[in-house]
Amino acid sequence: GVRTIVIDPGHGGDEDGAKGARGTLEKTLTLAVARRLKSALETRLGARVLLTRDDDRTLPLDERAAFANNNKADVFVSLHANASLRRTAAGAEVFFLSLDRADEEARRVAESEGVAMPVFGGGTREIDVILWEMAQTRHLVQSAELAKAIEGQLRTAVPMSLRPLQQAPFRVLVGANMPAVL
């Protein structure tokens, strides 16, 4: 079950993100939405919900995923709000990680069950060894399912883009060692 959810309000601090027609900044909007989503999830699911940031500060992408990992999150959701100069561009989108550039050997290592490592005092201990850049590989199927579920729920409440479900190599998702979407 899902016990801990980490919500990442995109951008913050020096990183404004997109700017709306009336001057609304993405970093401000994502933080407001994250706070409301946190409250709703805590109330409805009784889950522990953490925000990667709860104020206007810069937080590097790798630290966002590390925060989720260190808090043993079951799910990681990064919130963003895009803007476009094209009037035809509209609607919500849900992304999960694409690792098309990853080679087969790296995928095999990331999906392996574990490696026997020597321990102090003799003997060995089986531990998971995961390349940081490949942590998400073992969660791609679950991430795709999570993205599809979120897209289905969003569809009932907001207009969706022509391509509402997509894969992309977003850095913020790469290091998350749990199902993750943007």
Protein backbone atom coordinates (compact mmCIF):
# COMPACT_ATOMS: atom_id res chain seq x y z
CA GLY A 1 0.00 0.00 0.00
CA VAL A 2 0.90 3.63 -0.32
CA ARG A 3 1.93 4.97 3.06
CA THR A 4 4.28 7.84 2.15
CA ILE A 5 3.87 10.20 -0.79
CA VAL A 6 6.40 12.90 -1.70
CA ILE A 7 5.10 15.84 -3.71
CA ASP A 8 7.66 18.03 -5.43
CA PRO A 9 6.46 21.58 -6.17
CA GLY A 10 8.48 22.34 -9.30
CA HIS A 11 11.02 25.16 -9.44
CA GLY A 12 11.39 27.62 -6.54
CA GLY A 13 13.89 30.23 -5.36
CA ASP A 14 15.97 31.46 -8.29
CA GLU A 15 14.05 29.18 -10.68
CA ASP A 16 10.74 30.85 -11.57
CA GLY A 17 9.68 28.29 -14.16
CA ALA A 18 7.05 29.34 -16.70
CA LYS A 19 5.34 32.73 -16.46
CA GLY A 20 1.64 33.07 -17.13
CA ALA A 21 0.00 35.79 -19.23
CA ARG A 22 -0.92 37.72 -16.06
CA GLY A 23 2.50 37.25 -14.46
CA THR A 24 1.78 34.16 -12.35
CA LEU A 25 4.99 32.23 -11.76
CA GLU A 26 5.12 28.46 -12.07
CA LYS A 27 7.04 28.16 -8.79
CA THR A 28 4.23 29.95 -6.92
CA LEU A 29 1.45 27.95 -8.58
CA THR A 30 3.10 24.56 -8.03
CA LEU A 31 3.67 25.29 -4.35
CA ALA A 32 0.03 26.34 -3.85
CA VAL A 33 -1.24 23.23 -5.66
CA ALA A 34 1.19 20.99 -3.72
CA ARG A 35 -0.08 22.32 -0.40
CA ARG A 36 -3.71 21.69 -1.38
CA LEU A 37 -2.90 18.23 -2.75
CA LYS A 38 -1.00 17.37 0.44
CA SER A 39 -4.01 18.28 2.57
CA ALA A 40 -6.43 16.35 0.34
CA LEU A 41 -4.26 13.19 0.28
CA GLU A 42 -3.72 13.25 4.03
CA THR A 43 -7.46 13.63 4.63
CA ARG A 44 -8.71 11.14 2.05
CA LEU A 45 -5.97 8.48 2.20
CA GLY A 46 -4.57 8.97 5.66
CA ALA A 47 -1.15 8.87 4.03
CA ARG A 48 2.01 10.59 5.20
CA VAL A 49 2.54 13.33 2.62
CA LEU A 50 5.77 15.32 2.43
CA LEU A 51 6.72 18.28 0.24
CA THR A 52 10.24 18.61 -1.14
CA ARG A 53 9.91 22.33 -0.43
CA ASP A 54 7.36 24.29 1.58
CA ASP A 55 8.74 27.74 0.81
CA ASP A 56 10.28 29.70 -2.05
CA ARG A 57 13.77 28.22 -2.24
CA THR A 58 15.97 26.64 -4.85
CA LEU A 59 16.33 22.88 -4.53
CA PRO A 60 18.53 20.95 -7.02
CA LEU A 61 16.79 18.21 -9.00
CA ASP A 62 18.87 15.40 -7.53
CA GLU A 63 18.06 16.57 -3.99
CA ARG A 64 14.35 16.32 -4.75
CA ALA A 65 14.61 12.62 -5.63
CA ALA A 66 17.04 12.04 -2.74
CA PHE A 67 14.48 13.55 -0.35
CA ALA A 68 11.90 11.02 -1.54
CA ASN A 69 14.42 8.17 -1.26
CA ASN A 70 15.59 9.20 2.22
CA ASN A 71 11.98 9.37 3.43
CA LYS A 72 11.23 5.93 1.95
CA ALA A 73 8.43 7.30 -0.19
CA ASP A 74 6.13 4.86 -1.94
CA VAL A 75 5.30 7.42 -4.65
CA PHE A 76 7.00 10.58 -5.99
CA VAL A 77 4.99 13.24 -7.84
CA SER A 78 6.69 16.30 -9.32
CA LEU A 79 4.27 19.14 -10.14
CA HIS A 80 4.85 21.58 -13.01
CA ALA A 81 2.81 24.07 -15.02
CA ASN A 82 3.94 24.65 -18.59
CA ALA A 83 3.39 27.69 -20.77
CA SER A 84 3.52 28.12 -24.53
CA LEU A 85 3.44 30.94 -27.03
CA ARG A 86 1.31 28.74 -29.30
CA ARG A 87 -2.38 29.33 -28.63
CA THR A 88 -3.17 25.78 -29.75
CA ALA A 89 -1.04 24.29 -26.94
CA ALA A 90 -3.35 23.51 -24.03
CA GLY A 91 -4.24 20.86 -21.51
CA ALA A 92 -2.65 18.78 -18.80
CA GLU A 93 -0.03 16.11 -19.39
CA VAL A 94 1.39 13.36 -17.19
CA PHE A 95 4.93 12.12 -17.75
CA PHE A 96 6.85 9.12 -16.56
CA LEU A 97 10.50 8.40 -17.16
CA SER A 98 11.91 7.35 -20.50
CA LEU A 99 15.25 5.56 -20.39
CA ASP A 100 15.66 4.98 -24.11
CA ARG A 101 19.25 6.17 -23.89
CA ALA A 102 20.15 3.60 -21.22
CA ASP A 103 21.99 0.56 -22.47
CA GLU A 104 20.88 -3.00 -21.74
CA GLU A 105 23.75 -3.74 -19.34
CA ALA A 106 22.84 -0.76 -17.12
CA ARG A 107 19.21 -1.91 -17.08
CA ARG A 108 20.27 -5.44 -16.15
CA VAL A 109 22.39 -4.15 -13.25
CA ALA A 110 19.58 -1.92 -11.99
CA GLU A 111 17.05 -4.75 -12.14
CA SER A 112 19.30 -7.34 -10.50
CA GLU A 113 18.22 -8.93 -7.25
CA GLY A 114 21.40 -8.11 -5.35
CA VAL A 115 25.11 -8.67 -5.02
CA ALA A 116 26.95 -10.66 -2.35
CA MET A 117 29.38 -8.31 -0.60
CA PRO A 118 31.96 -9.22 2.05
CA VAL A 119 31.19 -7.98 5.56
CA PHE A 120 33.42 -7.12 8.50
CA GLY A 121 34.19 -10.24 10.52
CA GLY A 122 33.90 -12.60 7.57
CA GLY A 123 31.10 -13.93 5.44
CA THR A 124 28.98 -12.08 2.91
CA ARG A 125 25.74 -10.13 2.85
CA GLU A 126 23.40 -9.68 -0.10
CA ILE A 127 22.70 -6.01 -0.83
CA ASP A 128 21.00 -4.12 -3.62
CA VAL A 129 23.46 -2.22 -5.78
CA ILE A 130 21.79 0.35 -7.99
CA LEU A 131 23.44 2.92 -10.20
CA TRP A 132 22.01 6.28 -9.09
CA GLU A 133 21.07 7.21 -12.65
CA MET A 134 19.24 3.89 -13.06
CA ALA A 135 17.25 3.78 -9.79
CA GLN A 136 13.98 4.34 -11.64
CA THR A 137 14.45 1.42 -14.05
CA ARG A 138 12.95 -1.17 -11.72
CA HIS A 139 9.88 1.06 -11.23
CA LEU A 140 9.09 1.93 -14.86
CA VAL A 141 6.03 -0.34 -15.14
CA GLN A 142 4.58 0.96 -11.87
CA SER A 143 5.40 4.54 -12.89
CA ALA A 144 3.53 4.01 -16.18
CA GLU A 145 0.53 2.60 -14.27
CA LEU A 146 0.62 5.53 -11.83
CA ALA A 147 0.81 8.02 -14.71
CA LYS A 148 -2.16 6.36 -16.40
CA ALA A 149 -4.21 6.44 -13.18
CA ILE A 150 -3.42 10.13 -12.59
CA GLU A 151 -4.21 10.96 -16.22
CA GLY A 152 -7.57 9.21 -15.88
CA GLN A 153 -8.46 11.21 -12.78
CA LEU A 154 -7.22 14.50 -14.24
CA ARG A 155 -9.32 13.89 -17.35
CA THR A 156 -12.49 14.06 -15.23
CA ALA A 157 -11.55 17.49 -13.86
CA VAL A 158 -9.42 19.42 -16.36
CA PRO A 159 -8.86 19.59 -20.12
CA MET A 160 -6.09 17.27 -21.31
CA SER A 161 -3.55 17.85 -24.07
CA LEU A 162 -3.68 15.90 -27.31
CA ARG A 163 -0.91 13.69 -25.87
CA PRO A 164 -1.87 13.46 -22.20
CA LEU A 165 0.38 10.52 -21.30
CA GLN A 166 4.04 10.76 -22.27
CA GLN A 167 7.52 9.50 -21.48
CA ALA A 168 10.51 11.82 -21.17
CA PRO A 169 14.00 11.68 -19.60
CA PHE A 170 13.33 14.26 -16.86
CA ARG A 171 16.28 14.48 -14.47
CA VAL A 172 14.03 14.89 -11.41
CA LEU A 173 12.55 11.41 -12.02
CA VAL A 174 15.78 9.54 -12.79
CA GLY A 175 17.04 9.09 -9.23
CA ALA A 176 13.70 8.30 -7.59
CA ASN A 177 13.79 4.77 -6.20
CA MET A 178 9.99 4.37 -6.29
CA PRO A 179 7.20 4.88 -8.87
CA ALA A 180 7.56 8.50 -10.02
CA VAL A 181 5.68 10.86 -12.32
CA LEU A 182 5.76 14.49 -13.38
